[in-house]
Amino acid sequence: MKADYTKYTLQFKRPSGTSRGVLRTKDSWFIRITDPEQPGKVGWGECGVLAGLSVDDPATYEEKLAEACIRIGEGESLLEDLVDYPSIRFGVEMALRSWSKSDSFQLFDTPFSRGEAGQWINGLIWMGEPEFMHRQIEEKLAAGFRCIKLKIGAIDFQKELSLLRGIRERFPADVIELRVDANGAFAPEEAMHKLEQLAQFDLHSIEQPIRQGQWQEMAKLCANTPLPIALDEELIGVHDPARQAALIQTIQPQYLILKPSLLGGWAASQRWIDLAEANGAGWWVTSALESNIGLNAIAQWTATLGNPMPQGLGTGQLYTNNIPSPLEVRGEELWYRSEKDWDAGFLFE
C-alpha cells in the first residue's frame, strides 16, 4: 500500500456585489492511497484548511502530511498523533475509510449515499451590500429554501437589522427559518444589546456572537440570551476531553456547530455531539469550504446521524473548478446522484 498527496487550489465564484475581503481561492491537499497489487483501487482523503480558523501549523503542514503518508504506507496507526493537525487527521481518517470500501466514494451506507433521499440544508447568503444580499435571498426563496443563513457583522449593524426586518415583514418564522452568524464580531459589552435587537425578528439562532476564548462572557450571554446561541469557532483547537467538557459545562450553549475538517474528523466531532446531548444542547453539521470530496465525506457521515434539522452542506456550488461529482443541490436538499461518476483522477496527473 502506498499513500501520496497533492495540493489543489479551488477558485471561488465571485458574484458582483460581494464584500471586499471575501476569499478568492482556497487550497486543499488530497491524500491518495493505492496498491500496485490492487490496480484500480483508490482511497481518497481531503485535508482542508481555512486561514484564520484552522489550528494546523502552516510552517510544518506539508512536512506532517508527508510523514502521515509514509506511515499510512507502512500500515501504522497514526490518528492519535495528529491531534494538533485536525485537517490532516480528518484527511487520513477519510482516506483510510475510503480505501476500506469497494467504492472509494461510498463511505457510509445510507439512503442518502444510495441516492434514495436528500438532506435538508440551509441556504447560505454571501456577505455584501444590502441590495446584493436581498437579491441572493430572493434567489434562495425562489429555489424553495425554508432555512436561510446570513453572515452579519461585516456591514453597518442597522443595515443588517433593516435587511432582517424586510425578510420578516414578508415571511414569518413559520415560513422561513433565519439563522445568523456573527463570527465573533460583537464586543462583549455590546453583545446583549445587539442580541435583544436581533431577537425581535424571531431568529432560530446566532452563531458565535463574541470572539472565542471568552468563556465567562459567553456563559453570561447563553444564560440570559433572548435567542439561542450556537458555538462554532469556540470549539476549534480544544482537543483535550476534560477541557471540552469544561467548555460545555461552563458556557452551557444552546447549540454546537460541528465542522469535521476543523475539529479533527468524524470521531472528534462525535465526541462534541455526545457532550452536547449530555448537556441538553442541540447541534448540526456544517462543511468548511471543502471540495466535493470532503463535502461528500461530511454529508455521508451526517446522514448516519439522524439529525432532522437543516445542515450546512450547501457549499459545493461556491467553486468554479470543483471536483466533478454526483453531489447535487435540488431545491433545499443535497442529493447524491449514485448513477453519476466521480472525476478526481486529474488531481494527480
Protein backbone atom coordinates (compact mmCIF):
# COMPACT_ATOMS: atom_id res chain seq x y z
CA MET A 1 0.00 0.00 0.00
CA LYS A 2 1.23 3.49 -0.87
CA ALA A 3 -0.05 6.96 0.04
CA ASP A 4 0.84 10.25 -1.59
CA TYR A 5 -0.64 13.73 -1.63
CA THR A 6 -1.13 16.72 -3.88
CA LYS A 7 -2.24 20.33 -3.48
CA TYR A 8 -5.14 21.80 -5.44
CA THR A 9 -6.36 25.40 -5.48
CA LEU A 10 -10.12 25.90 -5.60
CA GLN A 11 -11.41 29.08 -7.22
CA PHE A 12 -14.43 30.83 -5.73
CA LYS A 13 -17.18 32.21 -7.86
CA ARG A 14 -17.18 35.98 -7.48
CA PRO A 15 -20.71 37.38 -7.84
CA SER A 16 -20.75 41.14 -8.28
CA GLY A 17 -21.69 42.82 -5.02
CA THR A 18 -19.65 40.68 -2.64
CA SER A 19 -17.85 42.42 0.19
CA ARG A 20 -14.20 43.24 -0.02
CA GLY A 21 -12.03 40.71 1.71
CA VAL A 22 -14.15 37.73 0.63
CA LEU A 23 -11.98 34.72 -0.20
CA ARG A 24 -10.94 34.33 -3.83
CA THR A 25 -9.18 30.96 -3.59
CA LYS A 26 -8.82 28.10 -1.14
CA ASP A 27 -6.13 25.42 -1.05
CA SER A 28 -6.85 21.79 -0.25
CA TRP A 29 -4.46 18.86 0.00
CA PHE A 30 -5.63 15.47 -1.24
CA ILE A 31 -4.39 12.12 0.01
CA ARG A 32 -4.49 9.16 -2.37
CA ILE A 33 -3.96 5.57 -1.26
CA THR A 34 -3.07 2.98 -3.91
CA ASP A 35 -1.56 -0.50 -4.11
CA PRO A 36 0.20 -1.99 -7.17
CA GLU A 37 -1.24 -5.36 -6.22
CA GLN A 38 -4.79 -3.96 -6.33
CA PRO A 39 -4.95 -1.94 -9.58
CA GLY A 40 -7.90 0.39 -9.83
CA LYS A 41 -8.50 0.54 -6.10
CA VAL A 42 -8.05 4.03 -4.57
CA GLY A 43 -8.62 5.67 -1.21
CA TRP A 44 -9.33 9.42 -1.21
CA GLY A 45 -8.99 11.94 1.60
CA GLU A 46 -9.10 15.73 1.71
CA CYS A 47 -7.20 17.98 4.12
CA GLY A 48 -8.89 21.35 4.04
CA VAL A 49 -7.64 24.35 6.00
CA LEU A 50 -9.15 27.79 6.48
CA ALA A 51 -6.78 30.67 7.13
CA GLY A 52 -7.51 32.31 10.45
CA LEU A 53 -9.62 29.38 11.70
CA SER A 54 -7.65 26.16 11.28
CA VAL A 55 -5.16 25.47 14.07
CA ASP A 56 -2.86 23.33 11.90
CA ASP A 57 0.64 24.85 11.84
CA PRO A 58 1.22 26.12 8.27
CA ALA A 59 5.01 26.12 8.72
CA THR A 60 5.13 22.36 9.20
CA TYR A 61 1.92 21.37 7.42
CA GLU A 62 3.32 19.62 4.35
CA GLU A 63 6.09 18.02 6.37
CA LYS A 64 3.46 16.49 8.68
CA LEU A 65 1.33 15.48 5.71
CA ALA A 66 4.28 13.75 4.01
CA GLU A 67 5.06 11.93 7.25
CA ALA A 68 1.44 10.82 7.53
CA CYS A 69 1.54 9.39 4.00
CA ILE A 70 4.68 7.39 4.81
CA ARG A 71 3.06 5.99 7.92
CA ILE A 72 -0.11 5.09 6.04
CA GLY A 73 2.02 3.17 3.56
CA GLU A 74 3.69 1.32 6.41
CA GLY A 75 0.33 0.40 7.90
CA GLU A 76 0.84 2.38 11.11
CA SER A 77 -1.95 3.70 13.32
CA LEU A 78 -1.47 7.46 13.40
CA LEU A 79 -4.73 9.30 14.07
CA GLU A 80 -3.95 9.95 17.72
CA ASP A 81 -0.62 11.51 16.71
CA LEU A 82 -2.39 14.09 14.52
CA VAL A 83 -4.44 15.81 17.22
CA ASP A 84 -2.68 19.13 16.60
CA TYR A 85 -3.31 18.85 12.85
CA PRO A 86 -7.09 18.33 12.73
CA SER A 87 -7.44 18.78 8.98
CA ILE A 88 -4.74 16.18 8.28
CA ARG A 89 -6.30 13.88 10.85
CA PHE A 90 -9.63 14.12 9.07
CA GLY A 91 -7.98 13.63 5.67
CA VAL A 92 -6.29 10.47 6.91
CA GLU A 93 -9.46 9.19 8.59
CA MET A 94 -11.35 9.82 5.34
CA ALA A 95 -8.71 8.21 3.11
CA LEU A 96 -8.48 5.08 5.25
CA ARG A 97 -12.24 4.61 5.25
CA SER A 98 -12.36 5.26 1.52
CA TRP A 99 -9.63 2.63 0.98
CA SER A 100 -11.58 0.10 3.03
CA LYS A 101 -14.63 0.34 0.76
CA SER A 102 -15.25 -1.34 -2.57
CA ASP A 103 -16.44 2.04 -3.90
CA SER A 104 -13.99 4.79 -2.92
CA PHE A 105 -16.73 7.40 -2.55
CA GLN A 106 -19.45 5.31 -0.87
CA LEU A 107 -18.18 5.82 2.66
CA PHE A 108 -21.38 5.10 4.59
CA ASP A 109 -24.38 3.05 3.53
CA THR A 110 -27.49 5.23 3.92
CA PRO A 111 -30.48 6.20 1.77
CA PHE A 112 -28.57 9.42 1.03
CA SER A 113 -25.44 7.69 -0.28
CA ARG A 114 -27.61 5.31 -2.32
CA GLY A 115 -29.34 8.26 -3.99
CA GLU A 116 -32.69 7.44 -2.40
CA ALA A 117 -33.07 10.51 -0.16
CA GLY A 118 -31.77 14.05 0.11
CA GLN A 119 -30.55 16.01 3.11
CA TRP A 120 -32.21 19.24 4.16
CA ILE A 121 -29.72 22.11 4.00
CA ASN A 122 -29.75 25.82 4.75
CA GLY A 123 -29.34 28.42 2.04
CA LEU A 124 -26.09 30.34 2.51
CA ILE A 125 -26.07 34.07 1.78
CA TRP A 126 -22.82 35.76 0.72
CA MET A 127 -21.84 38.87 2.65
CA GLY A 128 -22.13 42.17 0.80
CA GLU A 129 -24.17 45.33 0.46
CA PRO A 130 -27.86 45.10 1.39
CA GLU A 131 -29.06 45.16 -2.22
CA PHE A 132 -26.81 42.24 -3.10
CA MET A 133 -27.88 40.26 -0.06
CA HIS A 134 -31.56 40.97 -0.85
CA ARG A 135 -31.04 39.57 -4.35
CA GLN A 136 -29.47 36.39 -3.01
CA ILE A 137 -32.30 35.92 -0.53
CA GLU A 138 -34.86 36.24 -3.31
CA GLU A 139 -32.99 33.58 -5.29
CA LYS A 140 -32.89 31.20 -2.32
CA LEU A 141 -36.57 31.66 -1.62
CA ALA A 142 -37.42 31.09 -5.28
CA ALA A 143 -35.38 27.87 -5.16
CA GLY A 144 -37.52 26.63 -2.29
CA PHE A 145 -35.27 27.14 0.73
CA ARG A 146 -37.08 27.33 4.07
CA CYS A 147 -33.93 27.91 6.13
CA ILE A 148 -31.54 30.76 5.33
CA LYS A 149 -28.23 31.54 6.98
CA LEU A 150 -26.84 35.07 6.83
CA LYS A 151 -23.44 36.31 7.90
CA ILE A 152 -23.67 39.51 9.93
CA GLY A 153 -21.11 41.87 11.39
CA ALA A 154 -19.45 42.88 8.12
CA ILE A 155 -21.61 45.89 7.26
CA ASP A 156 -23.40 48.51 9.34
CA PHE A 157 -25.48 46.77 12.03
CA GLN A 158 -28.51 48.98 11.41
CA LYS A 159 -28.45 47.97 7.75
CA GLU A 160 -28.33 44.34 8.80
CA LEU A 161 -31.33 44.87 11.07
CA SER A 162 -33.17 46.53 8.21
CA LEU A 163 -32.39 43.54 5.99
CA LEU A 164 -33.77 41.12 8.58
CA ARG A 165 -36.82 43.32 9.12
CA GLY A 166 -37.56 43.24 5.41
CA ILE A 167 -37.42 39.45 5.35
CA ARG A 168 -39.67 39.07 8.38
CA GLU A 169 -42.25 41.53 7.03
CA ARG A 170 -42.73 39.16 4.08
CA PHE A 171 -42.00 35.79 5.65
CA PRO A 172 -42.89 34.88 9.26
CA ALA A 173 -40.82 32.39 11.25
CA ASP A 174 -43.16 29.50 10.43
CA VAL A 175 -42.42 30.06 6.73
CA ILE A 176 -38.69 30.92 6.73
CA GLU A 177 -36.19 29.94 9.43
CA LEU A 178 -33.45 32.54 9.79
CA ARG A 179 -30.01 31.77 11.20
CA VAL A 180 -27.30 34.40 11.56
CA ASP A 181 -23.58 34.01 12.08
CA ALA A 182 -21.66 36.86 13.70
CA ASN A 183 -18.25 35.15 13.52
CA GLY A 184 -17.32 36.77 16.86
CA ALA A 185 -17.94 40.30 15.57
CA PHE A 186 -19.63 41.71 18.68
CA ALA A 187 -17.74 43.16 21.63
CA PRO A 188 -18.80 41.54 24.93
CA GLU A 189 -20.10 44.82 26.34
CA GLU A 190 -22.40 45.42 23.36
CA ALA A 191 -23.40 41.83 22.61
CA MET A 192 -26.51 41.57 24.79
CA HIS A 193 -27.98 44.78 23.42
CA LYS A 194 -27.44 43.54 19.88
CA LEU A 195 -28.93 40.15 20.71
CA GLU A 196 -32.03 41.91 22.04
CA GLN A 197 -32.37 43.85 18.80
CA LEU A 198 -31.91 40.71 16.71
CA ALA A 199 -34.42 38.74 18.79
CA GLN A 200 -37.32 40.85 17.52
CA PHE A 201 -37.02 39.04 14.18
CA ASP A 202 -37.73 35.54 15.53
CA LEU A 203 -34.31 34.17 14.61
CA HIS A 204 -33.60 30.47 15.01
CA SER A 205 -30.12 31.13 16.42
CA ILE A 206 -26.95 33.19 16.24
CA GLU A 207 -23.53 31.62 15.83
CA GLN A 208 -20.57 32.87 17.84
CA PRO A 209 -21.75 36.39 18.81
CA ILE A 210 -18.43 37.20 20.53
CA ARG A 211 -14.87 36.08 19.85
CA GLN A 212 -13.93 32.61 21.08
CA GLY A 213 -11.93 32.09 24.27
CA GLN A 214 -14.08 34.35 26.47
CA TRP A 215 -15.81 31.56 28.36
CA GLN A 216 -17.27 33.60 31.23
CA GLU A 217 -18.61 36.32 28.96
CA MET A 218 -20.12 33.73 26.62
CA ALA A 219 -21.62 31.87 29.58
CA LYS A 220 -23.37 35.06 30.70
CA LEU A 221 -24.76 35.58 27.22
CA CYS A 222 -26.01 32.00 26.94
CA ALA A 223 -27.66 32.20 30.36
CA ASN A 224 -29.56 35.40 29.55
CA THR A 225 -29.86 35.48 25.77
CA PRO A 226 -33.21 36.28 24.14
CA LEU A 227 -32.34 33.95 21.23
CA PRO A 228 -30.41 30.66 21.09
CA ILE A 229 -26.61 30.85 20.77
CA ALA A 230 -24.55 28.34 18.81
CA LEU A 231 -20.83 27.81 19.39
CA ASP A 232 -18.66 27.44 16.29
CA GLU A 233 -15.12 28.84 16.45
CA GLU A 234 -15.26 28.24 20.22
CA LEU A 235 -14.73 24.51 19.62
CA ILE A 236 -11.74 24.78 17.30
CA GLY A 237 -8.41 23.81 18.84
CA VAL A 238 -9.98 22.38 22.02
CA HIS A 239 -8.84 18.76 21.80
CA ASP A 240 -8.43 17.62 25.40
CA PRO A 241 -11.60 15.75 26.53
CA ALA A 242 -11.52 17.28 30.01
CA ARG A 243 -11.25 20.79 28.57
CA GLN A 244 -14.03 20.06 26.09
CA ALA A 245 -16.31 19.00 28.93
CA ALA A 246 -15.34 22.09 30.95
CA LEU A 247 -16.11 24.34 27.99
CA ILE A 248 -19.62 22.95 27.51
CA GLN A 249 -20.40 22.82 31.22
CA THR A 250 -19.15 26.37 31.74
CA ILE A 251 -20.80 28.05 28.76
CA GLN A 252 -23.97 25.91 28.53
CA PRO A 253 -24.70 26.85 24.90
CA GLN A 254 -28.00 26.15 23.19
CA TYR A 255 -26.31 24.65 20.09
CA LEU A 256 -22.97 23.45 18.73
CA ILE A 257 -21.83 23.79 15.10
CA LEU A 258 -19.67 20.85 14.01
CA LYS A 259 -17.08 21.25 11.24
CA PRO A 260 -15.16 17.96 10.96
CA SER A 261 -12.26 19.48 8.98
CA LEU A 262 -11.61 21.98 11.77
CA LEU A 263 -12.34 19.65 14.69
CA GLY A 264 -10.32 16.60 13.59
CA GLY A 265 -12.77 14.38 11.75
CA TRP A 266 -15.78 12.20 12.40
CA ALA A 267 -14.69 10.63 15.67
CA ALA A 268 -13.63 14.01 17.09
CA SER A 269 -16.94 15.56 16.05
CA GLN A 270 -18.87 12.70 17.60
CA ARG A 271 -17.26 13.48 20.97
CA TRP A 272 -18.70 17.00 20.76
CA ILE A 273 -22.10 15.59 19.83
CA ASP A 274 -22.03 13.32 22.86
CA LEU A 275 -21.13 16.27 25.10
CA ALA A 276 -23.86 18.44 23.58
CA GLU A 277 -26.54 15.83 24.12
CA ALA A 278 -25.35 15.07 27.65
CA ASN A 279 -25.71 18.77 28.49
CA GLY A 280 -29.02 19.44 26.78
CA ALA A 281 -27.63 21.28 23.75
CA GLY A 282 -28.65 20.80 20.15
CA TRP A 283 -26.23 20.60 17.22
CA TRP A 284 -25.88 20.47 13.48
CA VAL A 285 -23.08 19.81 10.99
CA THR A 286 -21.52 22.33 8.61
CA SER A 287 -18.94 21.91 5.89
CA ALA A 288 -15.93 24.25 5.89
CA LEU A 289 -15.46 25.08 2.22
CA GLU A 290 -14.07 21.66 1.28
CA SER A 291 -14.11 20.44 -2.30
CA ASN A 292 -16.75 17.90 -3.27
CA ILE A 293 -14.51 15.12 -1.94
CA GLY A 294 -14.54 16.47 1.61
CA LEU A 295 -18.14 17.63 1.33
CA ASN A 296 -19.19 14.13 0.26
CA ALA A 297 -17.42 12.59 3.25
CA ILE A 298 -19.07 15.01 5.66
CA ALA A 299 -22.51 14.70 4.07
CA GLN A 300 -22.47 10.90 4.04
CA TRP A 301 -21.43 10.81 7.70
CA THR A 302 -24.07 13.39 8.61
CA ALA A 303 -26.71 11.19 7.00
CA THR A 304 -25.92 8.45 9.53
CA LEU A 305 -26.69 10.73 12.50
CA GLY A 306 -30.42 11.17 12.01
CA ASN A 307 -30.48 14.88 12.81
CA PRO A 308 -33.72 16.31 11.35
CA MET A 309 -32.51 19.94 11.32
CA PRO A 310 -31.23 21.73 8.19
CA GLN A 311 -27.48 21.09 7.89
CA GLY A 312 -24.84 23.45 6.49
CA LEU A 313 -23.87 21.34 3.48
CA GLY A 314 -24.55 23.59 0.51
CA THR A 315 -21.03 24.89 -0.15
CA GLY A 316 -20.18 22.72 -3.15
CA GLN A 317 -21.65 25.28 -5.55
CA LEU A 318 -19.24 28.01 -4.46
CA TYR A 319 -16.37 27.00 -6.77
CA THR A 320 -15.75 27.31 -10.48
CA ASN A 321 -13.36 24.31 -10.58
CA ASN A 322 -14.75 21.88 -8.04
CA ILE A 323 -14.12 18.14 -8.48
CA PRO A 324 -16.91 16.73 -10.69
CA SER A 325 -19.10 14.54 -8.50
CA PRO A 326 -22.58 13.07 -8.03
CA LEU A 327 -23.46 15.73 -5.43
CA GLU A 328 -26.32 17.97 -6.49
CA VAL A 329 -28.46 20.59 -4.77
CA ARG A 330 -32.13 20.14 -5.62
CA GLY A 331 -34.26 22.87 -4.12
CA GLU A 332 -33.33 22.93 -0.43
CA GLU A 333 -31.83 19.45 -0.37
CA LEU A 334 -28.42 17.96 -1.10
CA TRP A 335 -28.62 14.74 -3.13
CA TYR A 336 -26.12 12.09 -4.15
CA ARG A 337 -26.82 11.03 -7.72
CA SER A 338 -25.50 7.49 -7.47
CA GLU A 339 -25.77 7.00 -11.24
CA LYS A 340 -23.25 9.80 -11.89
CA ASP A 341 -19.46 9.23 -11.84
CA TRP A 342 -16.70 11.00 -9.95
CA ASP A 343 -13.76 12.56 -11.77
CA ALA A 344 -10.90 13.02 -9.29
CA GLY A 345 -8.06 11.36 -11.17
CA PHE A 346 -6.90 14.64 -12.72
CA LEU A 347 -5.69 15.77 -9.28
CA PHE A 348 -2.61 13.54 -9.58
CA GLU A 349 -1.88 13.96 -13.29
